N, C-alpha and C. Protein backbone atom coordinates (compact mmCIF):
# COMPACT_ATOMS: atom_id res chain seq x y z
N MET A 1 -157.89 -13.11 -46.72
CA MET A 1 -159.02 -13.81 -47.01
C MET A 1 -159.23 -14.89 -45.91
N GLN A 2 -160.45 -15.01 -45.39
CA GLN A 2 -160.75 -15.98 -44.30
C GLN A 2 -160.90 -17.37 -44.89
N ALA A 3 -160.45 -18.39 -44.24
CA ALA A 3 -160.51 -19.73 -44.76
C ALA A 3 -160.36 -20.76 -43.53
N PHE A 4 -160.62 -22.04 -43.86
CA PHE A 4 -160.68 -23.08 -42.88
C PHE A 4 -159.52 -24.09 -43.12
N TYR A 5 -158.93 -24.59 -42.21
CA TYR A 5 -157.73 -25.57 -42.36
C TYR A 5 -157.83 -26.51 -41.26
N PHE A 6 -157.70 -27.77 -41.54
CA PHE A 6 -157.63 -28.89 -40.52
C PHE A 6 -156.20 -29.38 -40.41
N SER A 7 -155.75 -29.52 -39.18
CA SER A 7 -154.41 -30.04 -39.01
C SER A 7 -154.57 -31.46 -38.26
N ALA A 8 -153.45 -32.14 -38.26
CA ALA A 8 -153.43 -33.39 -37.42
C ALA A 8 -153.37 -33.01 -35.94
N ASP A 9 -153.60 -33.88 -35.03
CA ASP A 9 -153.65 -33.53 -33.59
C ASP A 9 -152.38 -33.03 -33.06
N ASP A 10 -151.29 -33.29 -33.63
CA ASP A 10 -150.01 -32.79 -33.14
C ASP A 10 -149.82 -31.31 -33.51
N LYS A 11 -150.75 -30.72 -34.33
CA LYS A 11 -150.77 -29.35 -34.71
C LYS A 11 -149.41 -28.90 -35.31
N LYS A 12 -148.92 -29.72 -36.18
CA LYS A 12 -147.73 -29.39 -37.03
C LYS A 12 -148.10 -29.48 -38.50
N LEU A 13 -147.30 -28.65 -39.27
CA LEU A 13 -147.47 -28.68 -40.62
C LEU A 13 -146.93 -29.97 -41.16
N ARG A 14 -147.49 -30.48 -42.32
CA ARG A 14 -147.14 -31.74 -42.88
C ARG A 14 -146.02 -31.63 -43.94
N TYR A 15 -145.81 -32.79 -44.58
CA TYR A 15 -144.87 -32.94 -45.65
C TYR A 15 -143.42 -32.49 -45.23
N GLY A 16 -143.10 -32.84 -44.00
CA GLY A 16 -141.69 -32.63 -43.47
C GLY A 16 -141.45 -31.28 -43.06
N ASP A 17 -142.38 -30.36 -43.16
CA ASP A 17 -142.24 -28.97 -42.61
C ASP A 17 -142.11 -28.97 -41.07
N ASN A 18 -143.13 -29.61 -40.44
CA ASN A 18 -143.17 -29.71 -39.04
C ASN A 18 -143.22 -28.39 -38.23
N ARG A 19 -143.38 -27.23 -38.80
CA ARG A 19 -143.60 -26.11 -38.00
C ARG A 19 -144.80 -26.20 -37.12
N GLN A 20 -144.83 -25.67 -35.90
CA GLN A 20 -145.91 -25.82 -35.01
C GLN A 20 -146.95 -24.71 -35.35
N ILE A 21 -148.27 -25.15 -35.29
CA ILE A 21 -149.40 -24.28 -35.52
C ILE A 21 -149.83 -23.81 -34.16
N ARG A 22 -150.03 -22.53 -34.01
CA ARG A 22 -150.58 -21.93 -32.81
C ARG A 22 -151.44 -20.71 -33.08
N LYS A 23 -152.38 -20.47 -32.27
CA LYS A 23 -153.29 -19.27 -32.36
C LYS A 23 -152.36 -18.11 -32.49
N GLY A 24 -152.59 -17.22 -33.49
CA GLY A 24 -151.87 -15.96 -33.69
C GLY A 24 -150.69 -16.06 -34.40
N ARG A 25 -150.24 -17.32 -34.78
CA ARG A 25 -149.03 -17.51 -35.51
C ARG A 25 -149.24 -17.41 -37.02
N THR A 26 -148.28 -16.83 -37.70
CA THR A 26 -148.31 -16.86 -39.17
C THR A 26 -147.25 -17.59 -39.71
N HIS A 27 -147.55 -18.48 -40.72
CA HIS A 27 -146.49 -19.21 -41.34
C HIS A 27 -146.44 -18.63 -42.79
N LYS A 28 -145.23 -18.63 -43.32
CA LYS A 28 -144.99 -18.08 -44.63
C LYS A 28 -144.15 -19.15 -45.53
N VAL A 29 -144.32 -19.09 -46.82
CA VAL A 29 -143.49 -19.85 -47.64
C VAL A 29 -142.91 -18.90 -48.78
N LYS A 30 -141.77 -19.22 -49.31
CA LYS A 30 -141.18 -18.41 -50.39
C LYS A 30 -141.62 -19.02 -51.67
N GLY A 31 -141.60 -18.19 -52.70
CA GLY A 31 -141.95 -18.69 -54.09
C GLY A 31 -143.48 -18.42 -54.37
N GLU A 32 -143.85 -18.68 -55.58
CA GLU A 32 -145.26 -18.60 -55.91
C GLU A 32 -145.99 -19.79 -55.58
N PRO A 33 -147.28 -19.59 -54.98
CA PRO A 33 -148.12 -20.76 -54.62
C PRO A 33 -148.49 -21.47 -55.83
N VAL A 34 -148.69 -22.82 -55.76
CA VAL A 34 -149.07 -23.77 -56.75
C VAL A 34 -150.02 -24.73 -56.15
N LEU A 35 -151.28 -24.81 -56.50
CA LEU A 35 -152.20 -25.72 -55.87
C LEU A 35 -151.67 -27.17 -55.87
N CYS A 36 -151.79 -27.78 -54.65
CA CYS A 36 -151.39 -29.20 -54.46
C CYS A 36 -149.88 -29.39 -54.65
N GLU A 37 -149.04 -28.34 -54.87
CA GLU A 37 -147.60 -28.56 -55.03
C GLU A 37 -146.87 -27.72 -54.05
N HIS A 38 -147.13 -26.42 -53.86
CA HIS A 38 -146.29 -25.47 -53.14
C HIS A 38 -147.18 -24.37 -52.59
N GLY A 39 -147.12 -24.28 -51.22
CA GLY A 39 -147.83 -23.21 -50.54
C GLY A 39 -148.62 -23.72 -49.28
N LEU A 40 -149.36 -22.88 -48.70
CA LEU A 40 -150.14 -23.05 -47.60
C LEU A 40 -151.54 -23.11 -47.94
N HIS A 41 -152.29 -24.24 -47.85
CA HIS A 41 -153.59 -24.53 -48.29
C HIS A 41 -154.63 -24.25 -47.23
N ALA A 42 -155.82 -24.08 -47.67
CA ALA A 42 -157.03 -23.92 -46.81
C ALA A 42 -158.28 -23.88 -47.80
N SER A 43 -159.46 -23.80 -47.22
CA SER A 43 -160.62 -23.84 -48.08
C SER A 43 -161.65 -22.75 -47.49
N GLU A 44 -162.40 -22.12 -48.36
CA GLU A 44 -163.35 -21.13 -48.00
C GLU A 44 -164.54 -21.75 -47.31
N ARG A 45 -164.88 -22.96 -47.77
CA ARG A 45 -165.97 -23.67 -47.12
C ARG A 45 -165.53 -24.80 -46.22
N LEU A 46 -166.14 -24.90 -45.04
CA LEU A 46 -165.80 -25.97 -44.14
C LEU A 46 -165.77 -27.32 -44.71
N ILE A 47 -166.88 -27.61 -45.43
CA ILE A 47 -167.11 -29.04 -46.02
C ILE A 47 -165.91 -29.39 -46.90
N ASP A 48 -165.35 -28.36 -47.61
CA ASP A 48 -164.24 -28.56 -48.56
C ASP A 48 -162.98 -28.87 -47.72
N ALA A 49 -162.84 -28.03 -46.63
CA ALA A 49 -161.68 -28.19 -45.81
C ALA A 49 -161.68 -29.68 -45.22
N LEU A 50 -162.87 -30.11 -44.78
CA LEU A 50 -162.99 -31.36 -44.15
C LEU A 50 -162.54 -32.55 -45.14
N SER A 51 -162.85 -32.35 -46.45
CA SER A 51 -162.41 -33.45 -47.39
C SER A 51 -160.89 -33.57 -47.54
N TYR A 52 -160.14 -32.55 -47.00
CA TYR A 52 -158.64 -32.65 -47.00
C TYR A 52 -158.06 -32.81 -45.62
N ALA A 53 -158.96 -33.05 -44.65
CA ALA A 53 -158.43 -33.05 -43.24
C ALA A 53 -157.59 -34.30 -42.88
N PRO A 54 -156.33 -33.95 -42.37
CA PRO A 54 -155.47 -35.14 -41.91
C PRO A 54 -155.79 -35.48 -40.41
N GLY A 55 -156.55 -34.70 -39.84
CA GLY A 55 -157.05 -34.88 -38.42
C GLY A 55 -158.10 -33.98 -38.07
N GLY A 56 -158.44 -33.92 -36.82
CA GLY A 56 -159.71 -33.22 -36.35
C GLY A 56 -159.47 -31.87 -35.70
N HIS A 57 -158.28 -31.31 -35.75
CA HIS A 57 -158.08 -29.96 -35.23
C HIS A 57 -158.41 -28.92 -36.30
N LEU A 58 -159.44 -28.13 -36.08
CA LEU A 58 -159.92 -27.12 -37.00
C LEU A 58 -159.40 -25.76 -36.64
N TRP A 59 -158.86 -25.10 -37.74
CA TRP A 59 -158.37 -23.71 -37.51
C TRP A 59 -159.07 -22.75 -38.48
N LEU A 60 -159.49 -21.60 -37.87
CA LEU A 60 -160.00 -20.46 -38.64
C LEU A 60 -158.65 -19.66 -38.98
N ALA A 61 -158.56 -19.54 -40.25
CA ALA A 61 -157.20 -18.93 -40.73
C ALA A 61 -157.55 -17.64 -41.62
N LYS A 62 -156.50 -16.88 -41.78
CA LYS A 62 -156.52 -15.81 -42.68
C LYS A 62 -155.26 -16.01 -43.70
N LEU A 63 -155.63 -16.13 -44.97
CA LEU A 63 -154.60 -16.34 -45.98
C LEU A 63 -154.12 -14.93 -46.46
N GLY A 64 -152.95 -14.82 -46.81
CA GLY A 64 -152.39 -13.42 -47.32
C GLY A 64 -151.20 -13.81 -48.29
N GLY A 65 -150.66 -12.69 -48.63
CA GLY A 65 -149.59 -12.80 -49.63
C GLY A 65 -150.19 -13.06 -51.00
N SER A 66 -149.49 -13.84 -51.76
CA SER A 66 -149.95 -14.31 -53.03
C SER A 66 -150.91 -15.48 -52.84
N ILE A 67 -152.11 -15.44 -53.47
CA ILE A 67 -153.15 -16.42 -53.27
C ILE A 67 -153.59 -17.03 -54.67
N VAL A 68 -153.74 -18.34 -54.72
CA VAL A 68 -154.25 -18.94 -55.91
C VAL A 68 -155.46 -19.72 -55.48
N GLN A 69 -156.59 -19.55 -56.28
CA GLN A 69 -157.85 -20.19 -55.94
C GLN A 69 -158.23 -21.30 -56.93
N GLY A 70 -158.53 -22.49 -56.26
CA GLY A 70 -158.99 -23.66 -57.00
C GLY A 70 -160.48 -23.83 -56.87
N ASP A 71 -161.01 -24.92 -57.23
CA ASP A 71 -162.41 -25.19 -57.15
C ASP A 71 -162.87 -25.35 -55.70
N ASP A 72 -162.14 -26.02 -54.77
CA ASP A 72 -162.48 -26.20 -53.43
C ASP A 72 -161.42 -25.92 -52.40
N LYS A 73 -160.36 -25.35 -52.90
CA LYS A 73 -159.29 -24.89 -51.93
C LYS A 73 -158.55 -23.69 -52.47
N LEU A 74 -157.77 -23.08 -51.57
CA LEU A 74 -156.92 -22.04 -51.93
C LEU A 74 -155.44 -22.42 -51.58
N CYS A 75 -154.50 -21.65 -52.15
CA CYS A 75 -153.15 -21.85 -51.83
C CYS A 75 -152.47 -20.45 -51.73
N ALA A 76 -151.78 -20.32 -50.68
CA ALA A 76 -151.25 -18.92 -50.31
C ALA A 76 -149.81 -19.04 -49.93
N THR A 77 -149.12 -17.93 -49.84
CA THR A 77 -147.78 -17.72 -49.31
C THR A 77 -147.69 -17.41 -47.86
N GLU A 78 -148.93 -17.11 -47.26
CA GLU A 78 -149.04 -16.78 -45.81
C GLU A 78 -150.37 -17.30 -45.26
N ARG A 79 -150.25 -17.90 -44.13
CA ARG A 79 -151.53 -18.41 -43.37
C ARG A 79 -151.33 -18.06 -41.87
N THR A 80 -152.24 -17.25 -41.41
CA THR A 80 -152.38 -16.79 -40.06
C THR A 80 -153.48 -17.59 -39.42
N TYR A 81 -153.21 -18.20 -38.17
CA TYR A 81 -154.17 -18.98 -37.43
C TYR A 81 -154.90 -18.07 -36.42
N ILE A 82 -156.04 -17.70 -36.76
CA ILE A 82 -156.90 -16.82 -35.97
C ILE A 82 -157.36 -17.51 -34.63
N ASP A 83 -157.81 -18.76 -34.83
CA ASP A 83 -158.25 -19.56 -33.60
C ASP A 83 -158.33 -20.96 -34.08
N GLY A 84 -158.35 -21.87 -33.16
CA GLY A 84 -158.50 -23.27 -33.53
C GLY A 84 -159.06 -24.15 -32.28
N PHE A 85 -159.52 -25.37 -32.59
CA PHE A 85 -160.01 -26.15 -31.56
C PHE A 85 -160.09 -27.62 -32.04
N ASN A 86 -160.05 -28.54 -31.08
CA ASN A 86 -160.23 -29.96 -31.49
C ASN A 86 -161.60 -30.21 -31.78
N ALA A 87 -162.00 -30.57 -33.01
CA ALA A 87 -163.30 -30.63 -33.52
C ALA A 87 -163.75 -32.08 -33.64
N ASP A 88 -162.99 -33.07 -33.14
CA ASP A 88 -163.41 -34.43 -33.20
C ASP A 88 -164.71 -34.69 -32.75
N LYS A 89 -165.14 -34.32 -31.54
CA LYS A 89 -166.48 -34.65 -31.07
C LYS A 89 -167.56 -34.00 -31.87
N LEU A 90 -167.36 -32.80 -32.41
CA LEU A 90 -168.25 -32.08 -33.19
C LEU A 90 -168.34 -32.80 -34.59
N LEU A 91 -167.28 -33.23 -35.16
CA LEU A 91 -167.31 -33.91 -36.41
C LEU A 91 -167.97 -35.23 -36.31
N ARG A 92 -167.89 -36.03 -35.26
CA ARG A 92 -168.50 -37.24 -35.04
C ARG A 92 -170.13 -36.91 -34.97
N GLU A 93 -170.53 -35.87 -34.33
CA GLU A 93 -171.89 -35.49 -34.32
C GLU A 93 -172.40 -35.12 -35.72
N PHE A 94 -171.60 -34.42 -36.45
CA PHE A 94 -171.92 -34.06 -37.79
C PHE A 94 -172.07 -35.27 -38.72
N ALA A 95 -171.20 -36.23 -38.55
CA ALA A 95 -171.31 -37.43 -39.33
C ALA A 95 -172.54 -38.28 -39.01
N ARG A 96 -172.82 -38.23 -37.82
CA ARG A 96 -174.20 -38.98 -37.33
C ARG A 96 -175.39 -38.18 -37.96
N LYS A 97 -175.30 -36.93 -37.79
CA LYS A 97 -176.48 -36.19 -38.34
C LYS A 97 -176.60 -36.34 -39.91
N GLN A 98 -175.52 -36.39 -40.68
CA GLN A 98 -175.55 -36.64 -42.09
C GLN A 98 -176.02 -37.94 -42.40
N ALA A 99 -175.60 -39.00 -41.60
CA ALA A 99 -176.14 -40.36 -41.92
C ALA A 99 -177.66 -40.44 -41.56
N LEU A 100 -178.04 -39.72 -40.67
CA LEU A 100 -179.56 -39.71 -40.34
C LEU A 100 -180.35 -39.12 -41.45
N ILE A 101 -179.80 -38.22 -42.24
CA ILE A 101 -180.52 -37.73 -43.43
C ILE A 101 -180.92 -38.76 -44.40
N ASN A 102 -180.17 -39.80 -44.49
CA ASN A 102 -180.30 -40.87 -45.50
C ASN A 102 -180.73 -42.24 -44.86
N ILE A 103 -181.04 -42.19 -43.52
CA ILE A 103 -181.18 -43.47 -42.78
C ILE A 103 -182.31 -44.31 -43.42
N GLU A 104 -183.44 -43.75 -43.93
CA GLU A 104 -184.51 -44.41 -44.51
C GLU A 104 -184.15 -45.30 -45.63
N LYS A 105 -183.06 -44.97 -46.31
CA LYS A 105 -182.61 -45.77 -47.41
C LYS A 105 -182.13 -47.20 -47.11
N ILE A 106 -181.78 -47.39 -45.80
CA ILE A 106 -181.31 -48.69 -45.33
C ILE A 106 -182.42 -49.55 -44.71
N LYS A 107 -183.53 -48.91 -44.47
CA LYS A 107 -184.67 -49.61 -43.72
C LYS A 107 -185.01 -50.96 -44.31
N GLY A 108 -184.97 -51.12 -45.66
CA GLY A 108 -185.42 -52.34 -46.28
C GLY A 108 -184.24 -53.34 -46.33
N TYR A 109 -183.05 -53.06 -45.73
CA TYR A 109 -181.96 -53.93 -45.80
C TYR A 109 -181.47 -54.43 -44.42
N CYS A 110 -182.35 -54.14 -43.39
CA CYS A 110 -181.94 -54.71 -42.09
C CYS A 110 -183.30 -54.98 -41.25
N SER A 111 -183.07 -55.64 -40.22
CA SER A 111 -184.17 -56.00 -39.35
C SER A 111 -184.62 -54.68 -38.64
N LYS A 112 -185.90 -54.71 -38.10
CA LYS A 112 -186.45 -53.55 -37.34
C LYS A 112 -185.48 -53.27 -36.12
N THR A 113 -185.11 -54.34 -35.48
CA THR A 113 -184.21 -54.21 -34.35
C THR A 113 -182.96 -53.52 -34.68
N ASP A 114 -182.28 -54.04 -35.76
CA ASP A 114 -181.06 -53.37 -36.22
C ASP A 114 -181.16 -51.94 -36.67
N TYR A 115 -182.29 -51.72 -37.31
CA TYR A 115 -182.61 -50.35 -37.77
C TYR A 115 -182.74 -49.38 -36.59
N ASN A 116 -183.49 -49.83 -35.47
CA ASN A 116 -183.65 -49.12 -34.29
C ASN A 116 -182.32 -48.83 -33.51
N ILE A 117 -181.44 -49.83 -33.51
CA ILE A 117 -180.12 -49.67 -32.89
C ILE A 117 -179.34 -48.66 -33.69
N ILE A 118 -179.31 -48.64 -34.98
CA ILE A 118 -178.55 -47.74 -35.86
C ILE A 118 -179.14 -46.38 -35.54
N THR A 119 -180.36 -46.24 -35.59
CA THR A 119 -181.12 -44.93 -35.39
C THR A 119 -180.71 -44.36 -34.00
N ARG A 120 -180.82 -45.19 -33.00
CA ARG A 120 -180.57 -44.72 -31.60
C ARG A 120 -179.15 -44.23 -31.54
N TRP A 121 -178.17 -45.01 -32.11
CA TRP A 121 -176.81 -44.62 -32.12
C TRP A 121 -176.60 -43.27 -32.74
N LEU A 122 -177.12 -43.10 -34.00
CA LEU A 122 -177.04 -41.93 -34.70
C LEU A 122 -177.60 -40.67 -34.02
N THR A 123 -178.71 -40.85 -33.40
CA THR A 123 -179.41 -39.78 -32.67
C THR A 123 -178.74 -39.42 -31.40
N THR A 124 -178.28 -40.34 -30.63
CA THR A 124 -177.76 -40.06 -29.31
C THR A 124 -176.21 -40.08 -29.21
N GLY A 125 -175.55 -40.72 -30.05
CA GLY A 125 -174.13 -40.95 -29.99
C GLY A 125 -173.72 -41.72 -28.68
N ASP A 126 -174.63 -42.47 -28.18
CA ASP A 126 -174.23 -43.24 -26.93
C ASP A 126 -173.26 -44.24 -27.22
N ILE A 127 -172.10 -44.21 -26.70
CA ILE A 127 -170.96 -44.93 -26.88
C ILE A 127 -171.21 -46.46 -26.71
N LYS A 128 -172.18 -46.83 -25.82
CA LYS A 128 -172.56 -48.13 -25.56
C LYS A 128 -173.27 -48.98 -26.77
N LEU A 129 -173.85 -48.04 -27.63
CA LEU A 129 -174.53 -48.53 -28.75
C LEU A 129 -173.63 -48.67 -30.01
N ARG A 130 -172.44 -48.04 -30.04
CA ARG A 130 -171.60 -47.94 -31.20
C ARG A 130 -171.30 -49.27 -31.79
N SER A 131 -170.85 -50.20 -31.08
CA SER A 131 -170.35 -51.50 -31.64
C SER A 131 -171.55 -52.20 -32.27
N ALA A 132 -172.74 -52.31 -31.56
CA ALA A 132 -173.90 -52.92 -32.11
C ALA A 132 -174.37 -52.22 -33.35
N ALA A 133 -174.40 -50.85 -33.31
CA ALA A 133 -174.81 -50.09 -34.44
C ALA A 133 -173.89 -50.34 -35.69
N ARG A 134 -172.60 -50.45 -35.41
CA ARG A 134 -171.68 -50.60 -36.50
C ARG A 134 -171.89 -52.00 -37.15
N SER A 135 -172.08 -53.03 -36.33
CA SER A 135 -172.39 -54.32 -36.92
C SER A 135 -173.55 -54.41 -37.66
N ALA A 136 -174.60 -53.77 -37.10
CA ALA A 136 -175.93 -53.67 -37.87
C ALA A 136 -175.93 -53.03 -39.17
N ALA A 137 -175.06 -51.90 -39.11
CA ALA A 137 -174.97 -51.07 -40.34
C ALA A 137 -174.18 -51.77 -41.40
N GLU A 138 -173.11 -52.44 -40.93
CA GLU A 138 -172.30 -53.22 -41.84
C GLU A 138 -173.03 -54.30 -42.56
N SER A 139 -173.76 -54.96 -41.73
CA SER A 139 -174.67 -56.08 -42.37
C SER A 139 -175.70 -55.49 -43.43
N ALA A 140 -176.24 -54.26 -43.07
CA ALA A 140 -177.21 -53.63 -43.97
C ALA A 140 -176.43 -53.21 -45.23
N ALA A 141 -175.17 -52.74 -45.02
CA ALA A 141 -174.45 -52.29 -46.17
C ALA A 141 -174.11 -53.41 -47.05
N ARG A 142 -173.82 -54.67 -46.52
CA ARG A 142 -173.58 -55.75 -47.32
C ARG A 142 -174.82 -56.18 -48.17
N SER A 143 -175.96 -56.20 -47.40
CA SER A 143 -177.20 -56.56 -48.12
C SER A 143 -177.52 -55.53 -49.20
N ALA A 144 -177.33 -54.28 -48.93
CA ALA A 144 -177.60 -53.27 -49.95
C ALA A 144 -176.70 -53.48 -51.21
N ALA A 145 -175.42 -53.77 -50.86
CA ALA A 145 -174.38 -53.88 -51.93
C ALA A 145 -174.80 -55.10 -52.84
N GLU A 146 -175.26 -56.18 -52.16
CA GLU A 146 -175.61 -57.31 -52.95
C GLU A 146 -176.77 -57.03 -53.90
N SER A 147 -177.66 -56.09 -53.49
CA SER A 147 -178.78 -55.66 -54.20
C SER A 147 -178.41 -54.53 -55.28
N ALA A 148 -177.20 -54.20 -55.28
CA ALA A 148 -176.70 -53.13 -56.20
C ALA A 148 -177.36 -51.75 -55.97
N GLU A 149 -177.67 -51.50 -54.70
CA GLU A 149 -178.26 -50.31 -54.39
C GLU A 149 -177.29 -49.34 -53.77
N SER A 150 -176.51 -48.65 -54.59
CA SER A 150 -175.42 -47.91 -54.04
C SER A 150 -175.81 -46.75 -53.13
N ALA A 151 -176.99 -46.17 -53.28
CA ALA A 151 -177.39 -45.07 -52.43
C ALA A 151 -177.69 -45.68 -51.00
N ALA A 152 -178.34 -46.88 -50.96
CA ALA A 152 -178.51 -47.47 -49.63
C ALA A 152 -177.22 -47.82 -48.96
N TRP A 153 -176.37 -48.43 -49.84
CA TRP A 153 -175.07 -48.83 -49.30
C TRP A 153 -174.27 -47.64 -48.77
N SER A 154 -174.26 -46.64 -49.48
CA SER A 154 -173.46 -45.49 -48.99
C SER A 154 -174.12 -44.91 -47.69
N ALA A 155 -175.49 -44.91 -47.57
CA ALA A 155 -176.07 -44.52 -46.27
C ALA A 155 -175.74 -45.33 -45.12
N ALA A 156 -175.80 -46.74 -45.42
CA ALA A 156 -175.42 -47.67 -44.48
C ALA A 156 -173.97 -47.58 -43.92
N TRP A 157 -173.05 -47.36 -44.93
CA TRP A 157 -171.61 -47.23 -44.59
C TRP A 157 -171.40 -45.97 -43.84
N SER A 158 -172.16 -44.84 -44.12
CA SER A 158 -172.02 -43.66 -43.28
C SER A 158 -172.39 -43.85 -41.90
N ALA A 159 -173.51 -44.71 -41.68
CA ALA A 159 -173.98 -44.99 -40.32
C ALA A 159 -172.93 -45.94 -39.58
N ALA A 160 -172.26 -46.73 -40.36
CA ALA A 160 -171.21 -47.70 -39.71
C ALA A 160 -170.05 -46.94 -39.30
N GLY A 161 -169.60 -45.90 -39.98
CA GLY A 161 -168.34 -45.30 -39.75
C GLY A 161 -168.37 -44.14 -38.86
N PRO A 162 -167.51 -44.18 -37.85
CA PRO A 162 -167.49 -43.06 -36.83
C PRO A 162 -166.79 -41.77 -37.28
N ALA A 163 -166.06 -41.94 -38.32
CA ALA A 163 -165.26 -40.77 -38.78
C ALA A 163 -166.05 -39.86 -39.48
N ALA A 164 -165.79 -38.56 -39.35
CA ALA A 164 -166.59 -37.55 -40.02
C ALA A 164 -166.51 -37.60 -41.55
N ARG A 165 -165.32 -38.10 -42.00
CA ARG A 165 -165.11 -38.05 -43.48
C ARG A 165 -166.12 -38.93 -44.16
N SER A 166 -166.65 -39.90 -43.48
CA SER A 166 -167.58 -40.83 -44.14
C SER A 166 -168.82 -40.05 -44.53
N ALA A 167 -169.13 -39.12 -43.76
CA ALA A 167 -170.35 -38.28 -44.06
C ALA A 167 -170.00 -37.44 -45.35
N ALA A 168 -168.77 -36.84 -45.32
CA ALA A 168 -168.42 -35.98 -46.45
C ALA A 168 -168.43 -36.88 -47.70
N TRP A 169 -167.76 -38.02 -47.65
CA TRP A 169 -167.73 -38.83 -48.86
C TRP A 169 -169.08 -39.23 -49.27
N SER A 170 -169.93 -39.58 -48.38
CA SER A 170 -171.32 -39.91 -48.80
C SER A 170 -171.94 -38.83 -49.49
N ALA A 171 -171.86 -37.54 -49.00
CA ALA A 171 -172.34 -36.43 -49.67
C ALA A 171 -171.70 -36.18 -51.13
N ALA A 172 -170.43 -36.37 -51.21
CA ALA A 172 -169.77 -36.19 -52.44
C ALA A 172 -170.22 -37.25 -53.41
N GLU A 173 -170.34 -38.53 -53.04
CA GLU A 173 -170.71 -39.64 -53.89
C GLU A 173 -172.12 -39.33 -54.43
N SER A 174 -172.88 -38.69 -53.76
CA SER A 174 -174.26 -38.45 -54.27
C SER A 174 -174.25 -37.43 -55.50
N ALA A 175 -173.17 -36.72 -55.62
CA ALA A 175 -172.92 -35.84 -56.83
C ALA A 175 -174.06 -34.73 -56.84
N GLU A 176 -174.62 -34.42 -55.68
CA GLU A 176 -175.61 -33.34 -55.57
C GLU A 176 -175.08 -32.16 -54.98
N SER A 177 -174.87 -31.09 -55.74
CA SER A 177 -174.30 -29.96 -55.08
C SER A 177 -175.25 -29.31 -54.00
N ALA A 178 -176.51 -29.55 -54.14
CA ALA A 178 -177.49 -28.99 -53.16
C ALA A 178 -177.22 -29.83 -51.81
N ALA A 179 -177.07 -31.09 -51.88
CA ALA A 179 -176.68 -31.82 -50.64
C ALA A 179 -175.39 -31.48 -50.08
N TRP A 180 -174.37 -31.21 -50.93
CA TRP A 180 -173.05 -30.78 -50.46
C TRP A 180 -173.18 -29.37 -49.80
N SER A 181 -173.90 -28.44 -50.36
CA SER A 181 -174.10 -27.11 -49.79
C SER A 181 -174.93 -27.23 -48.44
N ALA A 182 -175.92 -28.11 -48.44
CA ALA A 182 -176.68 -28.34 -47.18
C ALA A 182 -175.80 -28.88 -46.07
N ALA A 183 -174.91 -29.82 -46.38
CA ALA A 183 -173.87 -30.37 -45.53
C ALA A 183 -173.01 -29.25 -44.97
N ASN A 184 -172.53 -28.39 -45.89
CA ASN A 184 -171.66 -27.34 -45.44
C ASN A 184 -172.39 -26.34 -44.46
N ASP A 185 -173.70 -26.06 -44.82
CA ASP A 185 -174.40 -25.17 -43.97
C ASP A 185 -174.60 -25.78 -42.59
N MET A 186 -174.89 -27.06 -42.49
CA MET A 186 -175.04 -27.73 -41.17
C MET A 186 -173.72 -27.67 -40.44
N LEU A 187 -172.64 -27.97 -41.08
CA LEU A 187 -171.29 -28.04 -40.40
C LEU A 187 -170.91 -26.54 -39.95
N THR A 188 -171.19 -25.61 -40.76
CA THR A 188 -170.76 -24.20 -40.43
C THR A 188 -171.57 -23.77 -39.29
N LYS A 189 -172.93 -24.07 -39.16
CA LYS A 189 -173.69 -23.64 -38.12
C LYS A 189 -173.23 -24.38 -36.81
N MET A 190 -172.90 -25.65 -36.85
CA MET A 190 -172.38 -26.32 -35.68
C MET A 190 -171.11 -25.75 -35.17
N VAL A 191 -170.22 -25.41 -36.08
CA VAL A 191 -168.88 -24.81 -35.71
C VAL A 191 -169.10 -23.41 -35.05
N LYS A 192 -170.05 -22.71 -35.66
CA LYS A 192 -170.27 -21.38 -35.31
C LYS A 192 -170.83 -21.45 -33.79
N GLU A 193 -171.78 -22.27 -33.59
CA GLU A 193 -172.47 -22.44 -32.21
C GLU A 193 -171.44 -22.86 -31.17
N ALA A 194 -170.43 -23.77 -31.65
CA ALA A 194 -169.50 -24.34 -30.68
C ALA A 194 -168.33 -23.33 -30.32
N THR A 195 -168.07 -22.46 -31.35
CA THR A 195 -166.91 -21.57 -31.10
C THR A 195 -167.33 -20.06 -30.96
N GLY A 196 -168.42 -19.69 -31.44
CA GLY A 196 -168.66 -18.27 -31.46
C GLY A 196 -168.00 -17.50 -32.51
N TRP A 197 -167.36 -18.24 -33.39
CA TRP A 197 -166.63 -17.57 -34.58
C TRP A 197 -167.55 -16.77 -35.51
N ASP A 198 -167.17 -15.73 -35.95
CA ASP A 198 -167.92 -14.87 -36.84
C ASP A 198 -167.62 -15.42 -38.36
N ILE A 199 -168.37 -16.42 -38.75
CA ILE A 199 -168.16 -17.06 -40.00
C ILE A 199 -169.41 -17.25 -40.73
């Protein structure tokens, strides 16, 4: 079964296992897999795998042996790494695109200048704008929070945070499965274009 798995940048298994992850390598565990307790985990959807990511190295994997399926992840006794790459840059772009989807929600909580800086940062990813955009977005987030507008606060915080997870959390907080699916579709398309993977 094809699935996605994120590893830390050292490309080692976690929780004291420390086996090295490499393209073409298969890891195995003994015993029956138990979600969140024992086994080799991965997710069928990229957006779900992202929510468990300890780092930005993305692996296309094949799960085998005994497999247990949960709501948003799988647990198996075998995981083969078909291919992988450092997805940090792609995930930052994904986070900015997700924040742009909700950018209008913060317009009333910041100045026109701040709004333009945030929008330019999210659109271009220009590193020179990052610090100013973060400050502007944090200010908008505080204003929105004071107004008890959680949706605006979430959008502003997504704009402020450079980490890809902020986008995933923002989508999750919205509790809209359509938004979550759309985010997964966007991320899948971006990964497919970057890697040529048949996903």
